[in-house]
Amino acid sequence: MTTTPQIKPIPIEALYTRWAPSYDQSHQNTVQGHDEIELATLFPKFLSHILSAPSAPPLKIIDFGCGTGRNTLKLLNLPSATIVGLDATPQMIDLARRRCQERLASLPPDARAAHVRCEIYNPLVQPTPPECAREAGALISTLVVEHFTLPEFFEATGKLLRSGGFCMVTGVHSDLAQISHPSIVDTDTGELVWGATHVHSVEDVEKEAPKWGFEVLEVQEGSPKDPDLVGANRGHWEGVKCWVGFLLRKK
């Protein structure tokens, strides 16, 4: 008789502190790999919104929960923009700073962001965001929302965005979250560990967002189409919506 491996819950900051050294080698897992695939269509729509909207230059964009800068890097080729990456884990921020510095050095001066900062920020323990991250014209947050309740998430992002600002949020689809639980192996103990997560349906987001002054502009849902991406979970996840993305605007 086989038993289901037990996943040990640990605090979110502790989880990402342990994960940081190998995080960049984990991007081919289903959720992160699928995020990259879906962003190929959602991210250009987000850019279209922010670049066509009236905005007092220079444009400021926040990457909320930036991790090692996986998606912060996508923002660095916006000329004259100010890019601010925020994350609660110092080890992640250190990696994000280094990656951003390396990428900026490879871009022509007239085709790159004017200012880039990566700062430590945990809205659950710091009620006031860093001054450099306030009144942003746009915000992205990828695979982060499940670590917050929706009121916590919208309260935090609302403090970062100015009125009229646009927001792109991606996360684990509730259909997947109800049948599968993510985990990583703690290299020190061999245990499966993960932090606290919350299941948010599309309907939950559409109901909660307006309470915090956000208008949902678009919802994009996705199921893996590449068998190699799903790997051993192919039969288990076949036909299951695994990813969801939202475009929102703060009123």
C-alpha atoms as a PDB file:
ATOM      1  CA  MET A   1       0.000   0.000   0.000  1.00  0.00           C
ATOM      2  CA  THR A   2       1.419   3.363  -1.037  1.00  0.00           C
ATOM      3  CA  THR A   3       1.103   6.424   1.148  1.00  0.00           C
ATOM      4  CA  THR A   4       0.880  10.035   0.064  1.00  0.00           C
ATOM      5  CA  PRO A   5       4.025  11.947   1.086  1.00  0.00           C
ATOM      6  CA  GLN A   6       3.319  14.469   3.810  1.00  0.00           C
ATOM      7  CA  ILE A   7       4.062  18.104   3.039  1.00  0.00           C
ATOM      8  CA  LYS A   8       5.424  20.054   5.990  1.00  0.00           C
ATOM      9  CA  PRO A   9       4.078  23.630   6.227  1.00  0.00           C
ATOM     10  CA  ILE A  10       6.665  26.337   6.865  1.00  0.00           C
ATOM     11  CA  PRO A  11       6.516  30.164   6.823  1.00  0.00           C
ATOM     12  CA  ILE A  12       6.604  31.716   3.355  1.00  0.00           C
ATOM     13  CA  GLU A  13       9.842  33.622   3.939  1.00  0.00           C
ATOM     14  CA  ALA A  14      11.525  30.443   5.199  1.00  0.00           C
ATOM     15  CA  LEU A  15      10.273  28.564   2.133  1.00  0.00           C
ATOM     16  CA  TYR A  16      11.711  31.028  -0.359  1.00  0.00           C
ATOM     17  CA  THR A  17      14.929  31.402   1.622  1.00  0.00           C
ATOM     18  CA  ARG A  18      15.498  27.658   1.185  1.00  0.00           C
ATOM     19  CA  TRP A  19      14.326  27.747  -2.437  1.00  0.00           C
ATOM     20  CA  ALA A  20      16.369  30.760  -3.566  1.00  0.00           C
ATOM     21  CA  PRO A  21      19.634  28.935  -4.471  1.00  0.00           C
ATOM     22  CA  SER A  22      17.844  26.582  -6.897  1.00  0.00           C
ATOM     23  CA  TYR A  23      14.870  28.752  -7.859  1.00  0.00           C
ATOM     24  CA  ASP A  24      16.193  29.686 -11.286  1.00  0.00           C
ATOM     25  CA  GLN A  25      16.693  26.008 -12.105  1.00  0.00           C
ATOM     26  CA  SER A  26      13.049  25.306 -11.260  1.00  0.00           C
ATOM     27  CA  HIS A  27      11.441  27.294 -14.057  1.00  0.00           C
ATOM     28  CA  GLN A  28      10.663  24.212 -16.091  1.00  0.00           C
ATOM     29  CA  ASN A  29       8.191  22.924 -13.528  1.00  0.00           C
ATOM     30  CA  THR A  30       4.610  22.947 -14.703  1.00  0.00           C
ATOM     31  CA  VAL A  31       3.337  26.107 -13.043  1.00  0.00           C
ATOM     32  CA  GLN A  32       6.305  28.372 -13.788  1.00  0.00           C
ATOM     33  CA  GLY A  33       6.795  26.937 -17.254  1.00  0.00           C
ATOM     34  CA  HIS A  34       3.104  27.419 -17.992  1.00  0.00           C
ATOM     35  CA  ASP A  35       3.297  30.965 -16.645  1.00  0.00           C
ATOM     36  CA  GLU A  36       5.982  31.748 -19.229  1.00  0.00           C
ATOM     37  CA  ILE A  37       3.863  30.298 -22.038  1.00  0.00           C
ATOM     38  CA  GLU A  38       0.708  32.209 -21.090  1.00  0.00           C
ATOM     39  CA  LEU A  39       2.611  35.459 -20.508  1.00  0.00           C
ATOM     40  CA  ALA A  40       3.602  35.374 -24.163  1.00  0.00           C
ATOM     41  CA  THR A  41       0.047  36.540 -24.904  1.00  0.00           C
ATOM     42  CA  LEU A  42      -0.996  38.273 -21.657  1.00  0.00           C
ATOM     43  CA  PHE A  43       2.114  40.415 -21.142  1.00  0.00           C
ATOM     44  CA  PRO A  44       1.850  42.213 -24.541  1.00  0.00           C
ATOM     45  CA  LYS A  45      -1.771  43.082 -23.714  1.00  0.00           C
ATOM     46  CA  PHE A  46      -0.619  44.536 -20.399  1.00  0.00           C
ATOM     47  CA  LEU A  47       2.065  46.588 -22.143  1.00  0.00           C
ATOM     48  CA  SER A  48      -0.483  47.845 -24.663  1.00  0.00           C
ATOM     49  CA  HIS A  49      -2.655  49.158 -21.833  1.00  0.00           C
ATOM     50  CA  ILE A  50       0.114  50.967 -19.982  1.00  0.00           C
ATOM     51  CA  LEU A  51       1.842  52.400 -23.050  1.00  0.00           C
ATOM     52  CA  SER A  52      -1.379  53.767 -24.550  1.00  0.00           C
ATOM     53  CA  ALA A  53      -2.668  55.289 -21.310  1.00  0.00           C
ATOM     54  CA  PRO A  54      -2.047  58.951 -20.472  1.00  0.00           C
ATOM     55  CA  SER A  55       0.749  58.993 -17.919  1.00  0.00           C
ATOM     56  CA  ALA A  56       3.042  61.585 -16.451  1.00  0.00           C
ATOM     57  CA  PRO A  57       6.530  60.441 -17.453  1.00  0.00           C
ATOM     58  CA  PRO A  58       8.552  58.640 -16.409  1.00  0.00           C
ATOM     59  CA  LEU A  59       6.429  55.506 -16.070  1.00  0.00           C
ATOM     60  CA  LYS A  60       6.926  53.566 -12.834  1.00  0.00           C
ATOM     61  CA  ILE A  61       6.226  49.809 -12.817  1.00  0.00           C
ATOM     62  CA  ILE A  62       6.275  47.543  -9.758  1.00  0.00           C
ATOM     63  CA  ASP A  63       7.033  43.817  -9.795  1.00  0.00           C
ATOM     64  CA  PHE A  64       5.267  42.762  -6.594  1.00  0.00           C
ATOM     65  CA  GLY A  65       6.748  39.499  -5.339  1.00  0.00           C
ATOM     66  CA  CYS A  66       9.546  39.671  -7.903  1.00  0.00           C
ATOM     67  CA  GLY A  67      11.496  36.680  -6.588  1.00  0.00           C
ATOM     68  CA  THR A  68      14.778  36.415  -8.473  1.00  0.00           C
ATOM     69  CA  GLY A  69      13.585  38.855 -11.132  1.00  0.00           C
ATOM     70  CA  ARG A  70      12.228  36.318 -13.631  1.00  0.00           C
ATOM     71  CA  ASN A  71       9.640  38.783 -14.902  1.00  0.00           C
ATOM     72  CA  THR A  72      11.314  41.983 -13.734  1.00  0.00           C
ATOM     73  CA  LEU A  73      13.744  41.370 -16.584  1.00  0.00           C
ATOM     74  CA  LYS A  74      10.867  41.672 -19.071  1.00  0.00           C
ATOM     75  CA  LEU A  75      10.386  45.299 -17.991  1.00  0.00           C
ATOM     76  CA  LEU A  76      13.962  46.507 -18.339  1.00  0.00           C
ATOM     77  CA  ASN A  77      13.751  47.389 -22.029  1.00  0.00           C
ATOM     78  CA  LEU A  78      11.141  50.114 -21.461  1.00  0.00           C
ATOM     79  CA  PRO A  79      13.017  53.375 -22.142  1.00  0.00           C
ATOM     80  CA  SER A  80      12.957  55.996 -19.376  1.00  0.00           C
ATOM     81  CA  ALA A  81      10.858  53.805 -17.074  1.00  0.00           C
ATOM     82  CA  THR A  82      11.450  53.299 -13.369  1.00  0.00           C
ATOM     83  CA  ILE A  83      11.253  49.633 -12.393  1.00  0.00           C
ATOM     84  CA  VAL A  84      10.924  48.534  -8.766  1.00  0.00           C
ATOM     85  CA  GLY A  85      11.072  44.887  -7.722  1.00  0.00           C
ATOM     86  CA  LEU A  86       9.634  44.022  -4.306  1.00  0.00           C
ATOM     87  CA  ASP A  87      10.001  40.760  -2.418  1.00  0.00           C
ATOM     88  CA  ALA A  88       9.919  39.613   1.202  1.00  0.00           C
ATOM     89  CA  THR A  89      12.977  37.360   0.931  1.00  0.00           C
ATOM     90  CA  PRO A  90      16.459  38.940   1.082  1.00  0.00           C
ATOM     91  CA  GLN A  91      18.052  36.010  -0.764  1.00  0.00           C
ATOM     92  CA  MET A  92      15.607  36.430  -3.646  1.00  0.00           C
ATOM     93  CA  ILE A  93      16.159  40.193  -3.786  1.00  0.00           C
ATOM     94  CA  ASP A  94      19.935  39.728  -3.911  1.00  0.00           C
ATOM     95  CA  LEU A  95      19.575  37.468  -6.947  1.00  0.00           C
ATOM     96  CA  ALA A  96      17.091  39.842  -8.593  1.00  0.00           C
ATOM     97  CA  ARG A  97      19.461  42.798  -8.177  1.00  0.00           C
ATOM     98  CA  ARG A  98      22.322  40.895  -9.755  1.00  0.00           C
ATOM     99  CA  ARG A  99      20.250  39.647 -12.681  1.00  0.00           C
ATOM    100  CA  CYS A 100      18.847  43.113 -13.360  1.00  0.00           C
ATOM    101  CA  GLN A 101      22.296  44.696 -13.261  1.00  0.00           C
ATOM    102  CA  GLU A 102      23.620  42.134 -15.717  1.00  0.00           C
ATOM    103  CA  ARG A 103      20.671  42.597 -18.087  1.00  0.00           C
ATOM    104  CA  LEU A 104      20.842  46.407 -17.963  1.00  0.00           C
ATOM    105  CA  ALA A 105      24.534  46.305 -18.829  1.00  0.00           C
ATOM    106  CA  SER A 106      23.676  44.426 -22.023  1.00  0.00           C
ATOM    107  CA  LEU A 107      21.059  46.946 -23.234  1.00  0.00           C
ATOM    108  CA  PRO A 108      21.777  50.155 -25.188  1.00  0.00           C
ATOM    109  CA  PRO A 109      21.350  53.292 -23.025  1.00  0.00           C
ATOM    110  CA  ASP A 110      18.466  54.556 -25.160  1.00  0.00           C
ATOM    111  CA  ALA A 111      16.602  51.234 -24.991  1.00  0.00           C
ATOM    112  CA  ARG A 112      16.547  50.470 -21.293  1.00  0.00           C
ATOM    113  CA  ALA A 113      14.869  51.559 -18.082  1.00  0.00           C
ATOM    114  CA  ALA A 114      16.248  54.706 -16.504  1.00  0.00           C
ATOM    115  CA  HIS A 115      16.090  53.477 -12.910  1.00  0.00           C
ATOM    116  CA  VAL A 116      15.883  49.967 -11.453  1.00  0.00           C
ATOM    117  CA  ARG A 117      15.601  49.095  -7.766  1.00  0.00           C
ATOM    118  CA  CYS A 118      14.953  45.856  -5.903  1.00  0.00           C
ATOM    119  CA  GLU A 119      13.785  46.282  -2.317  1.00  0.00           C
ATOM    120  CA  ILE A 120      12.690  44.059   0.554  1.00  0.00           C
ATOM    121  CA  TYR A 121       8.994  44.473   1.345  1.00  0.00           C
ATOM    122  CA  ASN A 122       6.504  42.226   3.115  1.00  0.00           C
ATOM    123  CA  PRO A 123       3.095  43.920   3.334  1.00  0.00           C
ATOM    124  CA  LEU A 124       1.957  41.483   6.017  1.00  0.00           C
ATOM    125  CA  VAL A 125       4.480  42.950   8.469  1.00  0.00           C
ATOM    126  CA  GLN A 126       5.219  46.352   6.891  1.00  0.00           C
ATOM    127  CA  PRO A 127       2.026  48.420   6.601  1.00  0.00           C
ATOM    128  CA  THR A 128       3.747  51.164   4.595  1.00  0.00           C
ATOM    129  CA  PRO A 129       5.513  50.303   1.309  1.00  0.00           C
ATOM    130  CA  PRO A 130       8.919  51.778   0.429  1.00  0.00           C
ATOM    131  CA  GLU A 131       8.643  55.337  -0.837  1.00  0.00           C
ATOM    132  CA  CYS A 132      10.208  54.348  -4.169  1.00  0.00           C
ATOM    133  CA  ALA A 133       7.323  51.929  -4.790  1.00  0.00           C
ATOM    134  CA  ARG A 134       4.378  54.263  -4.226  1.00  0.00           C
ATOM    135  CA  GLU A 135       2.144  55.898  -6.851  1.00  0.00           C
ATOM    136  CA  ALA A 136       3.167  53.497  -9.616  1.00  0.00           C
ATOM    137  CA  GLY A 137       1.466  53.623 -12.986  1.00  0.00           C
ATOM    138  CA  ALA A 138       1.528  49.848 -13.401  1.00  0.00           C
ATOM    139  CA  LEU A 139       2.189  46.647 -11.484  1.00  0.00           C
ATOM    140  CA  ILE A 140       2.821  43.004 -12.257  1.00  0.00           C
ATOM    141  CA  SER A 141       2.526  40.140  -9.783  1.00  0.00           C
ATOM    142  CA  THR A 142       3.118  36.622 -11.045  1.00  0.00           C
ATOM    143  CA  LEU A 143       2.426  33.435  -9.068  1.00  0.00           C
ATOM    144  CA  VAL A 144       2.185  35.430  -5.840  1.00  0.00           C
ATOM    145  CA  VAL A 145      -1.514  36.003  -5.128  1.00  0.00           C
ATOM    146  CA  GLU A 146      -2.014  32.487  -3.702  1.00  0.00           C
ATOM    147  CA  HIS A 147       0.234  33.421  -0.763  1.00  0.00           C
ATOM    148  CA  PHE A 148      -2.294  36.069   0.340  1.00  0.00           C
ATOM    149  CA  THR A 149      -5.963  36.277   1.108  1.00  0.00           C
ATOM    150  CA  LEU A 150      -7.609  38.421  -1.558  1.00  0.00           C
ATOM    151  CA  PRO A 151      -8.242  41.340   0.846  1.00  0.00           C
ATOM    152  CA  GLU A 152      -4.556  41.249   1.845  1.00  0.00           C
ATOM    153  CA  PHE A 153      -3.457  41.177  -1.786  1.00  0.00           C
ATOM    154  CA  PHE A 154      -5.662  43.999  -3.021  1.00  0.00           C
ATOM    155  CA  GLU A 155      -4.917  46.154   0.003  1.00  0.00           C
ATOM    156  CA  ALA A 156      -1.175  45.749  -0.648  1.00  0.00           C
ATOM    157  CA  THR A 157      -1.318  46.395  -4.392  1.00  0.00           C
ATOM    158  CA  GLY A 158      -3.711  49.287  -3.872  1.00  0.00           C
ATOM    159  CA  LYS A 159      -1.047  51.034  -1.784  1.00  0.00           C
ATOM    160  CA  LEU A 160       1.428  50.720  -4.652  1.00  0.00           C
ATOM    161  CA  LEU A 161      -0.711  51.822  -7.619  1.00  0.00           C
ATOM    162  CA  ARG A 162      -1.979  55.304  -8.373  1.00  0.00           C
ATOM    163  CA  SER A 163      -5.500  55.905  -9.606  1.00  0.00           C
ATOM    164  CA  GLY A 164      -5.774  54.773 -13.224  1.00  0.00           C
ATOM    165  CA  GLY A 165      -2.852  52.361 -12.874  1.00  0.00           C
ATOM    166  CA  PHE A 166      -2.895  48.945 -14.525  1.00  0.00           C
ATOM    167  CA  CYS A 167      -2.198  45.606 -12.896  1.00  0.00           C
ATOM    168  CA  MET A 168      -1.314  42.174 -14.328  1.00  0.00           C
ATOM    169  CA  VAL A 169      -1.762  39.261 -11.929  1.00  0.00           C
ATOM    170  CA  THR A 170      -1.144  35.565 -12.600  1.00  0.00           C
ATOM    171  CA  GLY A 171      -1.624  32.594 -10.333  1.00  0.00           C
ATOM    172  CA  VAL A 172      -2.456  28.935  -9.896  1.00  0.00           C
ATOM    173  CA  HIS A 173      -5.965  28.202 -11.172  1.00  0.00           C
ATOM    174  CA  SER A 174      -8.416  27.086  -8.507  1.00  0.00           C
ATOM    175  CA  ASP A 175      -9.196  23.944 -10.548  1.00  0.00           C
ATOM    176  CA  LEU A 176      -5.585  22.800 -10.116  1.00  0.00           C
ATOM    177  CA  ALA A 177      -5.268  24.010  -6.521  1.00  0.00           C
ATOM    178  CA  GLN A 178      -8.194  21.804  -5.510  1.00  0.00           C
ATOM    179  CA  ILE A 179      -6.550  18.580  -6.743  1.00  0.00           C
ATOM    180  CA  SER A 180      -2.836  19.201  -6.292  1.00  0.00           C
ATOM    181  CA  HIS A 181      -0.539  20.865  -3.777  1.00  0.00           C
ATOM    182  CA  PRO A 182       2.909  22.209  -4.705  1.00  0.00           C
ATOM    183  CA  SER A 183       6.016  21.385  -2.695  1.00  0.00           C
ATOM    184  CA  ILE A 184       9.790  21.484  -2.844  1.00  0.00           C
ATOM    185  CA  VAL A 185      12.353  19.164  -1.285  1.00  0.00           C
ATOM    186  CA  ASP A 186      14.289  20.662   1.608  1.00  0.00           C
ATOM    187  CA  THR A 187      17.859  19.785   0.658  1.00  0.00           C
ATOM    188  CA  ASP A 188      18.895  19.760   4.334  1.00  0.00           C
ATOM    189  CA  THR A 189      16.230  17.378   5.633  1.00  0.00           C
ATOM    190  CA  GLY A 190      14.811  15.674   2.522  1.00  0.00           C
ATOM    191  CA  GLU A 191      11.307  16.686   3.615  1.00  0.00           C
ATOM    192  CA  LEU A 192       8.635  18.008   1.275  1.00  0.00           C
ATOM    193  CA  VAL A 193       7.838  21.560   2.368  1.00  0.00           C
ATOM    194  CA  TRP A 194       5.583  24.419   1.276  1.00  0.00           C
ATOM    195  CA  GLY A 195       4.145  27.621   2.679  1.00  0.00           C
ATOM    196  CA  ALA A 196       0.569  28.594   3.387  1.00  0.00           C
ATOM    197  CA  THR A 197      -1.486  29.065   0.223  1.00  0.00           C
ATOM    198  CA  HIS A 198      -5.012  30.227  -0.531  1.00  0.00           C
ATOM    199  CA  VAL A 199      -7.323  29.000  -3.290  1.00  0.00           C
ATOM    200  CA  HIS A 200      -8.855  31.851  -5.312  1.00  0.00           C
ATOM    201  CA  SER A 201     -11.413  31.183  -8.035  1.00  0.00           C
ATOM    202  CA  VAL A 202     -11.991  33.551 -10.941  1.00  0.00           C
ATOM    203  CA  GLU A 203     -15.341  34.411  -9.394  1.00  0.00           C
ATOM    204  CA  ASP A 204     -13.656  35.198  -6.063  1.00  0.00           C
ATOM    205  CA  VAL A 205     -11.312  37.684  -7.740  1.00  0.00           C
ATOM    206  CA  GLU A 206     -14.093  39.268  -9.792  1.00  0.00           C
ATOM    207  CA  LYS A 207     -16.139  39.730  -6.609  1.00  0.00           C
ATOM    208  CA  GLU A 208     -13.319  41.007  -4.368  1.00  0.00           C
ATOM    209  CA  ALA A 209     -11.453  43.323  -6.754  1.00  0.00           C
ATOM    210  CA  PRO A 210     -14.174  46.033  -6.965  1.00  0.00           C
ATOM    211  CA  LYS A 211     -14.284  46.275  -3.163  1.00  0.00           C
ATOM    212  CA  TRP A 212     -10.736  47.667  -3.335  1.00  0.00           C
ATOM    213  CA  GLY A 213     -11.299  49.921  -6.319  1.00  0.00           C
ATOM    214  CA  PHE A 214     -10.078  47.540  -9.028  1.00  0.00           C
ATOM    215  CA  GLU A 215     -11.856  46.906 -12.318  1.00  0.00           C
ATOM    216  CA  VAL A 216     -11.263  43.501 -13.934  1.00  0.00           C
ATOM    217  CA  LEU A 217     -10.523  44.152 -17.615  1.00  0.00           C
ATOM    218  CA  GLU A 218      -9.685  40.645 -18.802  1.00  0.00           C
ATOM    219  CA  VAL A 219      -9.394  37.076 -17.549  1.00  0.00           C
ATOM    220  CA  GLN A 220      -7.195  34.494 -19.274  1.00  0.00           C
ATOM    221  CA  GLU A 221      -7.266  30.805 -18.293  1.00  0.00           C
ATOM    222  CA  GLY A 222      -4.881  28.127 -19.480  1.00  0.00           C
ATOM    223  CA  SER A 223      -4.313  24.370 -19.521  1.00  0.00           C
ATOM    224  CA  PRO A 224      -0.919  22.865 -20.457  1.00  0.00           C
ATOM    225  CA  LYS A 225      -0.842  21.759 -24.089  1.00  0.00           C
ATOM    226  CA  ASP A 226       2.745  20.483 -24.132  1.00  0.00           C
ATOM    227  CA  PRO A 227       3.014  16.923 -22.691  1.00  0.00           C
ATOM    228  CA  ASP A 228       6.670  17.542 -21.856  1.00  0.00           C
ATOM    229  CA  LEU A 229       5.678  20.479 -19.661  1.00  0.00           C
ATOM    230  CA  VAL A 230       3.270  18.401 -17.590  1.00  0.00           C
ATOM    231  CA  GLY A 231       5.557  15.357 -17.484  1.00  0.00           C
ATOM    232  CA  ALA A 232       4.578  12.758 -14.897  1.00  0.00           C
ATOM    233  CA  ASN A 233       1.358  14.632 -14.091  1.00  0.00           C
ATOM    234  CA  ARG A 234       0.007  14.357 -17.635  1.00  0.00           C
ATOM    235  CA  GLY A 235      -2.837  11.956 -16.884  1.00  0.00           C
ATOM    236  CA  HIS A 236      -3.643  13.597 -13.564  1.00  0.00           C
ATOM    237  CA  TRP A 237      -3.794  17.142 -14.945  1.00  0.00           C
ATOM    238  CA  GLU A 238      -5.076  16.463 -18.461  1.00  0.00           C
ATOM    239  CA  GLY A 239      -7.845  18.914 -19.308  1.00  0.00           C
ATOM    240  CA  VAL A 240      -7.449  20.755 -16.005  1.00  0.00           C
ATOM    241  CA  LYS A 241      -7.126  24.534 -15.976  1.00  0.00           C
ATOM    242  CA  CYS A 242      -3.792  25.100 -14.247  1.00  0.00           C
ATOM    243  CA  TRP A 243      -3.141  28.813 -14.721  1.00  0.00           C
ATOM    244  CA  VAL A 244      -5.103  32.044 -14.600  1.00  0.00           C
ATOM    245  CA  GLY A 245      -4.191  35.624 -15.410  1.00  0.00           C
ATOM    246  CA  PHE A 246      -5.976  38.924 -14.850  1.00  0.00           C
ATOM    247  CA  LEU A 247      -5.631  42.416 -16.240  1.00  0.00           C
ATOM    248  CA  LEU A 248      -7.043  45.016 -13.861  1.00  0.00           C
ATOM    249  CA  ARG A 249      -7.244  48.774 -13.564  1.00  0.00           C
ATOM    250  CA  LYS A 250      -7.341  50.765 -10.347  1.00  0.00           C
ATOM    251  CA  LYS A 251     -10.151  53.324 -10.483  1.00  0.00           C
END
